[in-house]
Amino acid sequence: MSKRYSEIRVPVVIVTGDDDQIVSPRENAYRLKSDITQSKLVELKDTGHEIPLTRPECVREALLSIDMRETDNVAKENSRMLELVAVGN
């Protein structure tokens, strides 16, 4: 699956904690950020692994930071590609 991360074309926000003792931000979040070029990385200071439980307001803010106009553009592009495939072009 990770070999296909670079194919992701929707907005992605990656939230990580700088004090995560379970999943290394450098080995995971930063690598994921480099693989998904249009992604946004949010690294929370003094934060560990269970971010949705310990910092839910930060997860909400990260999700709200996604540019929905970009999501709409991707959806339109995908719809056009499906139309071309259906027509046989």
N, C-alpha and C. Protein backbone atom coordinates (compact mmCIF):
# COMPACT_ATOMS: atom_id res chain seq x y z
N MET A 1 0.81 -1.19 0.00
CA MET A 1 0.00 0.00 0.00
C MET A 1 0.86 1.26 0.00
N SER A 2 1.90 1.30 0.81
CA SER A 2 2.71 2.51 0.91
C SER A 2 3.37 2.89 -0.42
N LYS A 3 3.54 1.95 -1.30
CA LYS A 3 4.12 2.25 -2.61
C LYS A 3 3.20 3.15 -3.43
N ARG A 4 1.92 3.20 -3.06
CA ARG A 4 0.94 3.97 -3.83
C ARG A 4 0.58 5.30 -3.17
N TYR A 5 1.21 5.63 -2.05
CA TYR A 5 0.89 6.89 -1.37
C TYR A 5 1.06 8.09 -2.30
N SER A 6 2.05 8.06 -3.16
CA SER A 6 2.30 9.19 -4.05
C SER A 6 1.17 9.41 -5.05
N GLU A 7 0.28 8.44 -5.20
CA GLU A 7 -0.85 8.57 -6.10
C GLU A 7 -2.05 9.28 -5.47
N ILE A 8 -2.00 9.51 -4.19
CA ILE A 8 -3.12 10.16 -3.49
C ILE A 8 -3.25 11.59 -3.99
N ARG A 9 -4.45 11.96 -4.43
CA ARG A 9 -4.68 13.27 -5.03
C ARG A 9 -5.70 14.11 -4.26
N VAL A 10 -6.08 13.67 -3.10
CA VAL A 10 -7.01 14.45 -2.27
C VAL A 10 -6.21 15.13 -1.17
N PRO A 11 -6.72 16.22 -0.64
CA PRO A 11 -6.02 16.88 0.47
C PRO A 11 -5.88 15.94 1.67
N VAL A 12 -4.70 15.94 2.26
CA VAL A 12 -4.41 15.09 3.41
C VAL A 12 -3.75 15.94 4.48
N VAL A 13 -4.21 15.77 5.71
CA VAL A 13 -3.54 16.42 6.83
C VAL A 13 -3.06 15.31 7.77
N ILE A 14 -1.79 15.37 8.13
CA ILE A 14 -1.16 14.37 8.99
C ILE A 14 -0.90 15.04 10.34
N VAL A 15 -1.44 14.46 11.40
CA VAL A 15 -1.25 15.03 12.73
C VAL A 15 -0.40 14.06 13.54
N THR A 16 0.69 14.58 14.10
CA THR A 16 1.59 13.75 14.89
C THR A 16 2.00 14.49 16.16
N GLY A 17 2.41 13.74 17.14
CA GLY A 17 2.91 14.34 18.37
C GLY A 17 4.42 14.21 18.44
N ASP A 18 5.08 15.26 18.88
CA ASP A 18 6.55 15.24 18.93
C ASP A 18 7.09 14.33 20.03
N ASP A 19 6.21 13.92 20.95
CA ASP A 19 6.63 13.07 22.07
C ASP A 19 6.00 11.68 21.98
N ASP A 20 5.66 11.25 20.76
CA ASP A 20 5.04 9.93 20.55
C ASP A 20 6.09 8.85 20.79
N GLN A 21 5.86 8.00 21.79
CA GLN A 21 6.79 6.93 22.12
C GLN A 21 6.42 5.61 21.45
N ILE A 22 5.28 5.58 20.75
CA ILE A 22 4.81 4.35 20.10
C ILE A 22 5.12 4.37 18.61
N VAL A 23 4.85 5.49 17.96
CA VAL A 23 5.09 5.63 16.52
C VAL A 23 6.00 6.84 16.32
N SER A 24 7.19 6.61 15.82
CA SER A 24 8.15 7.69 15.62
C SER A 24 7.66 8.67 14.55
N PRO A 25 7.52 9.95 14.90
CA PRO A 25 7.12 10.94 13.89
C PRO A 25 8.09 11.00 12.72
N ARG A 26 9.38 10.90 13.00
CA ARG A 26 10.38 10.97 11.92
C ARG A 26 10.26 9.79 10.96
N GLU A 27 10.01 8.61 11.49
CA GLU A 27 9.94 7.41 10.65
C GLU A 27 8.58 7.24 9.98
N ASN A 28 7.56 7.92 10.48
CA ASN A 28 6.22 7.72 9.94
C ASN A 28 5.61 8.99 9.38
N ALA A 29 5.31 9.95 10.21
CA ALA A 29 4.62 11.15 9.75
C ALA A 29 5.43 11.92 8.71
N TYR A 30 6.71 12.10 8.98
CA TYR A 30 7.54 12.85 8.03
C TYR A 30 7.74 12.08 6.72
N ARG A 31 7.87 10.77 6.82
CA ARG A 31 7.99 9.96 5.60
C ARG A 31 6.70 10.04 4.80
N LEU A 32 5.57 9.93 5.49
CA LEU A 32 4.28 10.02 4.83
C LEU A 32 4.11 11.38 4.17
N LYS A 33 4.52 12.43 4.85
CA LYS A 33 4.46 13.78 4.27
C LYS A 33 5.27 13.87 2.98
N SER A 34 6.43 13.26 2.96
CA SER A 34 7.25 13.32 1.74
C SER A 34 6.66 12.46 0.62
N ASP A 35 5.94 11.41 0.97
CA ASP A 35 5.33 10.54 -0.05
C ASP A 35 4.05 11.14 -0.63
N ILE A 36 3.31 11.90 0.17
CA ILE A 36 2.08 12.53 -0.29
C ILE A 36 2.39 14.02 -0.41
N THR A 37 2.80 14.42 -1.59
CA THR A 37 3.37 15.76 -1.77
C THR A 37 2.43 16.90 -1.43
N GLN A 38 1.14 16.76 -1.64
CA GLN A 38 0.21 17.85 -1.36
C GLN A 38 -0.32 17.80 0.07
N SER A 39 0.23 16.93 0.90
CA SER A 39 -0.25 16.81 2.28
C SER A 39 0.29 17.94 3.16
N LYS A 40 -0.37 18.10 4.29
CA LYS A 40 0.04 19.08 5.29
C LYS A 40 0.38 18.32 6.56
N LEU A 41 1.49 18.65 7.19
CA LEU A 41 1.91 18.00 8.42
C LEU A 41 1.76 18.96 9.60
N VAL A 42 1.08 18.48 10.63
CA VAL A 42 0.92 19.25 11.87
C VAL A 42 1.60 18.45 12.97
N GLU A 43 2.66 19.00 13.54
CA GLU A 43 3.34 18.34 14.65
C GLU A 43 3.03 19.09 15.93
N LEU A 44 2.39 18.40 16.86
CA LEU A 44 1.98 19.01 18.12
C LEU A 44 3.08 18.85 19.16
N LYS A 45 3.44 19.94 19.79
CA LYS A 45 4.49 19.93 20.82
C LYS A 45 3.97 19.30 22.11
N ASP A 46 4.86 18.61 22.80
CA ASP A 46 4.54 17.98 24.09
C ASP A 46 3.31 17.07 23.99
N THR A 47 3.22 16.33 22.90
CA THR A 47 2.06 15.47 22.66
C THR A 47 2.53 14.07 22.31
N GLY A 48 1.85 13.09 22.86
CA GLY A 48 2.19 11.69 22.62
C GLY A 48 1.36 11.06 21.52
N HIS A 49 0.98 9.82 21.74
CA HIS A 49 0.40 8.99 20.69
C HIS A 49 -1.10 9.14 20.49
N GLU A 50 -1.87 9.26 21.52
CA GLU A 50 -3.33 9.21 21.40
C GLU A 50 -3.93 10.60 21.20
N ILE A 51 -3.59 11.22 20.12
CA ILE A 51 -3.96 12.61 19.85
C ILE A 51 -5.48 12.82 19.83
N PRO A 52 -6.28 11.98 19.19
CA PRO A 52 -7.73 12.21 19.22
C PRO A 52 -8.31 12.21 20.63
N LEU A 53 -7.69 11.46 21.54
CA LEU A 53 -8.19 11.42 22.92
C LEU A 53 -7.65 12.56 23.77
N THR A 54 -6.38 12.91 23.56
CA THR A 54 -5.75 13.90 24.42
C THR A 54 -5.82 15.32 23.88
N ARG A 55 -5.93 15.47 22.56
CA ARG A 55 -5.94 16.81 21.94
C ARG A 55 -6.99 16.89 20.83
N PRO A 56 -8.25 16.54 21.12
CA PRO A 56 -9.27 16.51 20.07
C PRO A 56 -9.46 17.85 19.37
N GLU A 57 -9.25 18.94 20.08
CA GLU A 57 -9.41 20.26 19.45
C GLU A 57 -8.38 20.47 18.35
N CYS A 58 -7.20 19.89 18.49
CA CYS A 58 -6.15 20.00 17.47
C CYS A 58 -6.50 19.17 16.24
N VAL A 59 -7.11 18.02 16.45
CA VAL A 59 -7.55 17.20 15.33
C VAL A 59 -8.63 17.95 14.55
N ARG A 60 -9.55 18.55 15.28
CA ARG A 60 -10.62 19.33 14.64
C ARG A 60 -10.03 20.48 13.82
N GLU A 61 -9.11 21.22 14.39
CA GLU A 61 -8.47 22.33 13.69
C GLU A 61 -7.74 21.84 12.44
N ALA A 62 -7.06 20.71 12.55
CA ALA A 62 -6.34 20.16 11.40
C ALA A 62 -7.31 19.80 10.29
N LEU A 63 -8.43 19.19 10.64
CA LEU A 63 -9.43 18.83 9.63
C LEU A 63 -10.04 20.07 8.99
N LEU A 64 -10.29 21.08 9.79
CA LEU A 64 -10.87 22.32 9.26
C LEU A 64 -9.88 23.07 8.36
N SER A 65 -8.60 22.77 8.49
CA SER A 65 -7.60 23.45 7.67
C SER A 65 -7.55 22.93 6.23
N ILE A 66 -8.21 21.81 5.99
CA ILE A 66 -8.22 21.25 4.64
C ILE A 66 -9.00 22.18 3.71
N ASP A 67 -8.41 22.51 2.60
CA ASP A 67 -9.04 23.38 1.62
C ASP A 67 -10.07 22.58 0.83
N MET A 68 -11.34 22.76 1.15
CA MET A 68 -12.39 21.99 0.50
C MET A 68 -12.52 22.32 -0.98
N ARG A 69 -12.05 23.50 -1.40
CA ARG A 69 -12.07 23.82 -2.83
C ARG A 69 -11.19 22.85 -3.59
N GLU A 70 -10.05 22.48 -3.00
CA GLU A 70 -9.16 21.52 -3.63
C GLU A 70 -9.83 20.16 -3.71
N THR A 71 -10.56 19.77 -2.67
CA THR A 71 -11.29 18.51 -2.67
C THR A 71 -12.31 18.50 -3.80
N ASP A 72 -13.01 19.61 -3.98
CA ASP A 72 -14.00 19.73 -5.06
C ASP A 72 -13.32 19.61 -6.42
N ASN A 73 -12.15 20.23 -6.59
CA ASN A 73 -11.42 20.15 -7.86
C ASN A 73 -11.01 18.72 -8.16
N VAL A 74 -10.56 17.99 -7.17
CA VAL A 74 -10.17 16.59 -7.36
C VAL A 74 -11.39 15.77 -7.75
N ALA A 75 -12.51 16.00 -7.09
CA ALA A 75 -13.73 15.26 -7.40
C ALA A 75 -14.16 15.53 -8.84
N LYS A 76 -14.07 16.78 -9.29
CA LYS A 76 -14.43 17.12 -10.67
C LYS A 76 -13.49 16.43 -11.66
N GLU A 77 -12.20 16.43 -11.34
CA GLU A 77 -11.21 15.79 -12.21
C GLU A 77 -11.47 14.29 -12.30
N ASN A 78 -11.75 13.66 -11.17
CA ASN A 78 -12.05 12.23 -11.17
C ASN A 78 -13.32 11.92 -11.95
N SER A 79 -14.33 12.78 -11.82
CA SER A 79 -15.58 12.60 -12.55
C SER A 79 -15.34 12.69 -14.05
N ARG A 80 -14.53 13.65 -14.46
CA ARG A 80 -14.22 13.80 -15.90
C ARG A 80 -13.46 12.58 -16.41
N MET A 81 -12.53 12.05 -15.63
CA MET A 81 -11.79 10.87 -16.05
C MET A 81 -12.73 9.68 -16.21
N LEU A 82 -13.69 9.54 -15.31
CA LEU A 82 -14.66 8.45 -15.41
C LEU A 82 -15.52 8.60 -16.66
N GLU A 83 -15.89 9.84 -16.99
CA GLU A 83 -16.67 10.09 -18.21
C GLU A 83 -15.87 9.69 -19.45
N LEU A 84 -14.60 10.02 -19.47
CA LEU A 84 -13.75 9.65 -20.61
C LEU A 84 -13.62 8.15 -20.75
N VAL A 85 -13.48 7.46 -19.64
CA VAL A 85 -13.38 6.00 -19.66
C VAL A 85 -14.69 5.39 -20.17
N ALA A 86 -15.82 5.92 -19.71
CA ALA A 86 -17.12 5.42 -20.11
C ALA A 86 -17.36 5.59 -21.60
N VAL A 87 -16.87 6.71 -22.15
CA VAL A 87 -17.05 6.99 -23.56
C VAL A 87 -16.03 6.22 -24.41
N GLY A 88 -14.95 5.82 -23.80
CA GLY A 88 -13.93 5.05 -24.51
C GLY A 88 -12.81 5.89 -25.03
N ASN A 89 -12.63 7.09 -24.53
CA ASN A 89 -11.55 7.98 -24.96
C ASN A 89 -10.31 7.78 -24.14
